[in-house]
Amino acid sequence: MEAAPSHKFKTVEEYFAAFPEKTQQLMGSLRATIKKAAPQAIEKISYNMPAFMLEGMLVYYAAYDKHIGFYPTPSGIEAFKKELSGYKGAKGSVQFPIDKTLPLDLIGQVVKFRVEENLDKAREKKKK
């Protein structure tokens, strides 16, 4: 089941509840991995999907019928291009099939990269 785009989610829990249990479990694992890699990040709904912010947008993720979409910005995809090459994706996104195990270690590495990237940008702004 894909969440109806006309429905506006207010919380991550509400978003999760719109999906089957297996999808909820995968998203829960992904969410826990992101929280572990970026414990200081703030979780919210943005563009009607779960997102984490830390000195700006960090990552988004979303569930679909056949995959979990992970959106770590184009720089996050580029930095791990080789590791992510086995998955469908685009400039700023990657698709993890629902019927496969999520690469949680890799996802954690991508999130940590994005944390450092955002913190570096914030430090540079403060210098100016």
N, C-alpha and C. Protein backbone atom coordinates (compact mmCIF):
# COMPACT_ATOMS: atom_id res chain seq x y z
N MET A 1 0.84 -1.19 0.00
CA MET A 1 0.00 0.00 0.00
C MET A 1 0.88 1.24 0.00
N GLU A 2 0.59 2.14 -0.87
CA GLU A 2 1.32 3.40 -0.89
C GLU A 2 0.45 4.46 -0.25
N ALA A 3 1.05 5.27 0.60
CA ALA A 3 0.28 6.31 1.29
C ALA A 3 -0.30 7.27 0.26
N ALA A 4 -1.54 7.63 0.47
CA ALA A 4 -2.19 8.56 -0.44
C ALA A 4 -1.52 9.92 -0.36
N PRO A 5 -1.07 10.46 -1.49
CA PRO A 5 -0.38 11.74 -1.46
C PRO A 5 -1.26 12.88 -0.94
N SER A 6 -2.58 12.69 -1.03
CA SER A 6 -3.49 13.75 -0.56
C SER A 6 -3.52 13.82 0.97
N HIS A 7 -3.09 12.75 1.64
CA HIS A 7 -3.08 12.75 3.10
C HIS A 7 -1.84 13.48 3.60
N LYS A 8 -2.03 14.45 4.46
CA LYS A 8 -0.90 15.18 5.04
C LYS A 8 -0.56 14.59 6.41
N PHE A 9 0.61 13.99 6.51
CA PHE A 9 1.03 13.38 7.77
C PHE A 9 1.53 14.45 8.73
N LYS A 10 1.17 14.30 10.00
CA LYS A 10 1.60 15.25 11.02
C LYS A 10 2.79 14.72 11.84
N THR A 11 2.88 13.39 11.97
CA THR A 11 3.95 12.78 12.76
C THR A 11 4.55 11.60 12.00
N VAL A 12 5.75 11.23 12.39
CA VAL A 12 6.41 10.07 11.79
C VAL A 12 5.61 8.80 12.13
N GLU A 13 5.09 8.72 13.34
CA GLU A 13 4.30 7.56 13.74
C GLU A 13 3.07 7.41 12.85
N GLU A 14 2.42 8.52 12.55
CA GLU A 14 1.25 8.51 11.68
C GLU A 14 1.65 8.03 10.28
N TYR A 15 2.80 8.48 9.81
CA TYR A 15 3.31 8.05 8.51
C TYR A 15 3.52 6.53 8.52
N PHE A 16 4.22 6.03 9.54
CA PHE A 16 4.50 4.60 9.62
C PHE A 16 3.20 3.79 9.60
N ALA A 17 2.20 4.25 10.33
CA ALA A 17 0.93 3.52 10.48
C ALA A 17 0.20 3.33 9.16
N ALA A 18 0.55 4.10 8.14
CA ALA A 18 -0.12 3.99 6.84
C ALA A 18 0.40 2.81 6.01
N PHE A 19 1.37 2.07 6.53
CA PHE A 19 2.01 1.00 5.76
C PHE A 19 1.88 -0.34 6.45
N PRO A 20 2.03 -1.43 5.68
CA PRO A 20 1.98 -2.78 6.26
C PRO A 20 3.08 -2.99 7.30
N GLU A 21 2.87 -3.96 8.17
CA GLU A 21 3.79 -4.21 9.28
C GLU A 21 5.24 -4.44 8.82
N LYS A 22 5.44 -5.22 7.76
CA LYS A 22 6.81 -5.48 7.28
C LYS A 22 7.50 -4.17 6.87
N THR A 23 6.77 -3.31 6.18
CA THR A 23 7.32 -2.02 5.77
C THR A 23 7.60 -1.15 7.00
N GLN A 24 6.71 -1.19 7.98
CA GLN A 24 6.92 -0.43 9.21
C GLN A 24 8.19 -0.90 9.92
N GLN A 25 8.43 -2.21 9.92
CA GLN A 25 9.64 -2.75 10.56
C GLN A 25 10.89 -2.26 9.85
N LEU A 26 10.88 -2.29 8.53
CA LEU A 26 12.03 -1.80 7.75
C LEU A 26 12.27 -0.31 8.03
N MET A 27 11.19 0.47 8.00
CA MET A 27 11.34 1.91 8.26
C MET A 27 11.81 2.15 9.70
N GLY A 28 11.36 1.31 10.63
CA GLY A 28 11.81 1.43 12.01
C GLY A 28 13.30 1.18 12.15
N SER A 29 13.80 0.17 11.43
CA SER A 29 15.25 -0.12 11.43
C SER A 29 16.03 1.04 10.82
N LEU A 30 15.52 1.56 9.72
CA LEU A 30 16.17 2.69 9.05
C LEU A 30 16.19 3.91 9.98
N ARG A 31 15.06 4.18 10.60
CA ARG A 31 14.94 5.32 11.53
C ARG A 31 15.92 5.19 12.69
N ALA A 32 16.00 3.99 13.28
CA ALA A 32 16.93 3.76 14.40
C ALA A 32 18.38 3.94 13.96
N THR A 33 18.71 3.49 12.75
CA THR A 33 20.06 3.64 12.21
C THR A 33 20.41 5.12 12.04
N ILE A 34 19.46 5.89 11.52
CA ILE A 34 19.70 7.33 11.32
C ILE A 34 19.88 8.01 12.68
N LYS A 35 19.03 7.67 13.64
CA LYS A 35 19.12 8.28 14.98
C LYS A 35 20.46 7.95 15.65
N LYS A 36 20.92 6.72 15.46
CA LYS A 36 22.21 6.31 16.04
C LYS A 36 23.37 7.06 15.40
N ALA A 37 23.30 7.24 14.09
CA ALA A 37 24.37 7.92 13.35
C ALA A 37 24.33 9.44 13.54
N ALA A 38 23.16 9.97 13.87
CA ALA A 38 22.98 11.42 14.03
C ALA A 38 22.10 11.69 15.24
N PRO A 39 22.60 11.36 16.44
CA PRO A 39 21.74 11.47 17.64
C PRO A 39 21.25 12.89 17.93
N GLN A 40 21.98 13.88 17.44
CA GLN A 40 21.58 15.27 17.71
C GLN A 40 20.59 15.81 16.68
N ALA A 41 20.30 15.04 15.64
CA ALA A 41 19.39 15.49 14.58
C ALA A 41 17.95 15.55 15.07
N ILE A 42 17.19 16.44 14.48
CA ILE A 42 15.78 16.62 14.81
C ILE A 42 14.94 15.93 13.75
N GLU A 43 14.00 15.11 14.22
CA GLU A 43 13.14 14.37 13.31
C GLU A 43 11.85 15.15 13.05
N LYS A 44 11.39 15.11 11.81
CA LYS A 44 10.16 15.81 11.47
C LYS A 44 9.56 15.22 10.20
N ILE A 45 8.38 15.70 9.85
CA ILE A 45 7.79 15.38 8.56
C ILE A 45 8.06 16.59 7.66
N SER A 46 8.65 16.33 6.49
CA SER A 46 8.93 17.39 5.53
C SER A 46 8.62 16.83 4.15
N TYR A 47 7.96 17.60 3.31
CA TYR A 47 7.51 17.11 2.01
C TYR A 47 6.68 15.83 2.19
N ASN A 48 5.97 15.76 3.29
CA ASN A 48 5.06 14.66 3.62
C ASN A 48 5.76 13.31 3.77
N MET A 49 7.04 13.35 4.19
CA MET A 49 7.77 12.11 4.48
C MET A 49 8.68 12.34 5.68
N PRO A 50 9.10 11.27 6.36
CA PRO A 50 10.01 11.43 7.49
C PRO A 50 11.34 12.04 7.05
N ALA A 51 11.87 12.91 7.89
CA ALA A 51 13.12 13.60 7.58
C ALA A 51 13.87 13.88 8.87
N PHE A 52 15.16 14.08 8.75
CA PHE A 52 16.01 14.48 9.87
C PHE A 52 16.75 15.75 9.48
N MET A 53 16.84 16.68 10.43
CA MET A 53 17.53 17.94 10.20
C MET A 53 18.66 18.11 11.22
N LEU A 54 19.75 18.68 10.77
CA LEU A 54 20.86 19.05 11.64
C LEU A 54 21.64 20.11 10.87
N GLU A 55 21.54 21.35 11.30
CA GLU A 55 22.16 22.46 10.55
C GLU A 55 21.69 22.42 9.10
N GLY A 56 20.40 22.24 8.92
CA GLY A 56 19.82 22.11 7.59
C GLY A 56 19.31 20.69 7.39
N MET A 57 18.77 20.43 6.23
CA MET A 57 18.23 19.10 5.96
C MET A 57 19.36 18.08 5.89
N LEU A 58 19.14 16.95 6.55
CA LEU A 58 20.14 15.89 6.59
C LEU A 58 19.76 14.78 5.61
N VAL A 59 18.67 14.07 5.90
CA VAL A 59 18.18 12.99 5.03
C VAL A 59 16.66 12.90 5.13
N TYR A 60 16.06 12.34 4.09
CA TYR A 60 14.64 11.97 4.07
C TYR A 60 14.58 10.47 3.82
N TYR A 61 13.43 9.87 4.13
CA TYR A 61 13.16 8.51 3.67
C TYR A 61 11.67 8.34 3.49
N ALA A 62 11.27 7.38 2.68
CA ALA A 62 9.86 7.18 2.38
C ALA A 62 9.62 5.73 1.97
N ALA A 63 8.41 5.28 2.20
CA ALA A 63 8.05 3.91 1.83
C ALA A 63 7.18 3.91 0.58
N TYR A 64 7.38 2.88 -0.21
CA TYR A 64 6.60 2.67 -1.43
C TYR A 64 6.21 1.20 -1.49
N ASP A 65 5.47 0.82 -2.50
CA ASP A 65 5.01 -0.57 -2.59
C ASP A 65 6.15 -1.58 -2.58
N LYS A 66 7.21 -1.29 -3.34
CA LYS A 66 8.26 -2.28 -3.52
C LYS A 66 9.63 -1.87 -2.97
N HIS A 67 9.73 -0.64 -2.45
CA HIS A 67 11.04 -0.20 -1.95
C HIS A 67 10.90 0.86 -0.86
N ILE A 68 12.02 1.07 -0.18
CA ILE A 68 12.16 2.19 0.75
C ILE A 68 13.08 3.19 0.04
N GLY A 69 12.61 4.40 -0.11
CA GLY A 69 13.44 5.44 -0.72
C GLY A 69 14.25 6.13 0.35
N PHE A 70 15.50 6.36 0.08
CA PHE A 70 16.41 7.04 1.01
C PHE A 70 17.02 8.20 0.25
N TYR A 71 16.93 9.39 0.83
CA TYR A 71 17.30 10.62 0.14
C TYR A 71 18.35 11.39 0.94
N PRO A 72 19.63 11.06 0.75
CA PRO A 72 20.70 11.73 1.50
C PRO A 72 21.34 12.89 0.74
N THR A 73 20.63 13.50 -0.18
CA THR A 73 21.09 14.58 -1.05
C THR A 73 22.08 14.04 -2.09
N PRO A 74 22.28 14.77 -3.17
CA PRO A 74 23.22 14.30 -4.21
C PRO A 74 24.63 14.05 -3.67
N SER A 75 25.09 14.86 -2.73
CA SER A 75 26.46 14.66 -2.22
C SER A 75 26.59 13.35 -1.45
N GLY A 76 25.54 12.96 -0.73
CA GLY A 76 25.56 11.68 0.00
C GLY A 76 25.58 10.50 -0.95
N ILE A 77 24.88 10.62 -2.06
CA ILE A 77 24.87 9.56 -3.07
C ILE A 77 26.23 9.50 -3.76
N GLU A 78 26.76 10.64 -4.15
CA GLU A 78 28.03 10.70 -4.86
C GLU A 78 29.17 10.13 -4.02
N ALA A 79 29.20 10.45 -2.73
CA ALA A 79 30.28 10.00 -1.84
C ALA A 79 30.29 8.48 -1.67
N PHE A 80 29.15 7.84 -1.87
CA PHE A 80 29.05 6.39 -1.69
C PHE A 80 28.56 5.71 -2.97
N LYS A 81 28.90 6.31 -4.09
CA LYS A 81 28.46 5.85 -5.41
C LYS A 81 28.78 4.36 -5.62
N LYS A 82 29.99 3.97 -5.31
CA LYS A 82 30.42 2.59 -5.52
C LYS A 82 29.61 1.63 -4.64
N GLU A 83 29.47 1.97 -3.36
CA GLU A 83 28.77 1.11 -2.41
C GLU A 83 27.28 1.00 -2.73
N LEU A 84 26.72 2.06 -3.32
CA LEU A 84 25.29 2.09 -3.63
C LEU A 84 24.98 1.61 -5.05
N SER A 85 26.02 1.24 -5.80
CA SER A 85 25.84 0.93 -7.22
C SER A 85 24.93 -0.28 -7.47
N GLY A 86 24.73 -1.12 -6.49
CA GLY A 86 23.87 -2.29 -6.65
C GLY A 86 22.39 -1.99 -6.49
N TYR A 87 22.06 -0.74 -6.22
CA TYR A 87 20.67 -0.34 -6.00
C TYR A 87 20.23 0.66 -7.06
N LYS A 88 18.93 0.65 -7.34
CA LYS A 88 18.36 1.68 -8.22
C LYS A 88 18.47 3.01 -7.51
N GLY A 89 18.65 4.05 -8.27
CA GLY A 89 18.72 5.35 -7.64
C GLY A 89 18.79 6.46 -8.68
N ALA A 90 18.91 7.66 -8.16
CA ALA A 90 19.03 8.85 -8.99
C ALA A 90 20.03 9.77 -8.33
N LYS A 91 20.09 10.99 -8.79
CA LYS A 91 21.09 11.95 -8.32
C LYS A 91 21.11 12.10 -6.79
N GLY A 92 19.96 12.16 -6.15
CA GLY A 92 19.92 12.36 -4.70
C GLY A 92 19.18 11.29 -3.94
N SER A 93 18.95 10.13 -4.60
CA SER A 93 18.15 9.10 -3.95
C SER A 93 18.65 7.70 -4.26
N VAL A 94 18.22 6.77 -3.40
CA VAL A 94 18.50 5.36 -3.63
C VAL A 94 17.27 4.57 -3.20
N GLN A 95 17.02 3.46 -3.89
CA GLN A 95 15.87 2.62 -3.57
C GLN A 95 16.35 1.29 -3.01
N PHE A 96 15.89 0.98 -1.79
CA PHE A 96 16.21 -0.30 -1.16
C PHE A 96 14.97 -1.20 -1.27
N PRO A 97 15.08 -2.33 -1.99
CA PRO A 97 13.92 -3.21 -2.18
C PRO A 97 13.36 -3.70 -0.82
N ILE A 98 12.05 -3.74 -0.74
CA ILE A 98 11.38 -4.17 0.50
C ILE A 98 11.65 -5.64 0.79
N ASP A 99 11.89 -6.44 -0.25
CA ASP A 99 12.09 -7.87 -0.04
C ASP A 99 13.56 -8.24 0.23
N LYS A 100 14.41 -7.25 0.44
CA LYS A 100 15.83 -7.51 0.76
C LYS A 100 16.17 -6.86 2.11
N THR A 101 17.25 -7.31 2.71
CA THR A 101 17.72 -6.74 3.97
C THR A 101 18.29 -5.34 3.70
N LEU A 102 17.93 -4.39 4.54
CA LEU A 102 18.48 -3.04 4.40
C LEU A 102 19.97 -3.04 4.74
N PRO A 103 20.79 -2.33 3.98
CA PRO A 103 22.23 -2.22 4.28
C PRO A 103 22.44 -1.16 5.38
N LEU A 104 22.09 -1.52 6.61
CA LEU A 104 22.07 -0.54 7.70
C LEU A 104 23.45 0.06 8.00
N ASP A 105 24.51 -0.75 7.91
CA ASP A 105 25.86 -0.20 8.14
C ASP A 105 26.18 0.88 7.12
N LEU A 106 25.87 0.60 5.87
CA LEU A 106 26.12 1.57 4.79
C LEU A 106 25.26 2.82 5.01
N ILE A 107 24.01 2.65 5.35
CA ILE A 107 23.12 3.79 5.61
C ILE A 107 23.69 4.64 6.75
N GLY A 108 24.17 3.99 7.80
CA GLY A 108 24.79 4.72 8.91
C GLY A 108 25.99 5.53 8.46
N GLN A 109 26.81 4.95 7.59
CA GLN A 109 27.99 5.66 7.07
C GLN A 109 27.57 6.88 6.26
N VAL A 110 26.54 6.73 5.43
CA VAL A 110 26.06 7.83 4.61
C VAL A 110 25.53 8.96 5.52
N VAL A 111 24.77 8.59 6.55
CA VAL A 111 24.23 9.60 7.47
C VAL A 111 25.37 10.32 8.19
N LYS A 112 26.37 9.59 8.66
CA LYS A 112 27.51 10.22 9.33
C LYS A 112 28.24 11.19 8.39
N PHE A 113 28.37 10.79 7.13
CA PHE A 113 28.97 11.68 6.13
C PHE A 113 28.15 12.96 6.01
N ARG A 114 26.83 12.82 5.93
CA ARG A 114 25.95 13.99 5.80
C ARG A 114 26.02 14.87 7.06
N VAL A 115 26.14 14.27 8.24
CA VAL A 115 26.28 15.05 9.47
C VAL A 115 27.54 15.91 9.38
N GLU A 116 28.65 15.30 9.03
CA GLU A 116 29.92 16.04 8.93
C GLU A 116 29.82 17.13 7.87
N GLU A 117 29.20 16.81 6.77
CA GLU A 117 29.05 17.79 5.70
C GLU A 117 28.25 19.01 6.19
N ASN A 118 27.11 18.75 6.85
CA ASN A 118 26.29 19.86 7.35
C ASN A 118 27.00 20.65 8.44
N LEU A 119 27.69 19.96 9.33
CA LEU A 119 28.42 20.66 10.40
C LEU A 119 29.56 21.50 9.82
N ASP A 120 30.25 20.98 8.82
CA ASP A 120 31.32 21.75 8.17
C ASP A 120 30.76 23.01 7.53
N LYS A 121 29.63 22.88 6.82
CA LYS A 121 28.99 24.05 6.19
C LYS A 121 28.59 25.08 7.24
N ALA A 122 28.07 24.61 8.36
CA ALA A 122 27.65 25.53 9.43
C ALA A 122 28.85 26.26 10.02
N ARG A 123 29.97 25.52 10.19
CA ARG A 123 31.19 26.16 10.72
C ARG A 123 31.71 27.21 9.75
N GLU A 124 31.67 26.91 8.46
CA GLU A 124 32.13 27.87 7.45
C GLU A 124 31.27 29.13 7.47
N LYS A 125 29.97 28.96 7.61
CA LYS A 125 29.06 30.13 7.67
C LYS A 125 29.39 31.01 8.86
N LYS A 126 29.70 30.39 10.00
CA LYS A 126 30.00 31.16 11.21
C LYS A 126 31.30 31.93 11.09
N LYS A 127 32.22 31.43 10.27
CA LYS A 127 33.50 32.12 10.08
C LYS A 127 33.32 33.40 9.30
N LYS A 128 32.30 33.45 8.45
CA LYS A 128 32.10 34.63 7.57
C LYS A 128 31.51 35.80 8.31
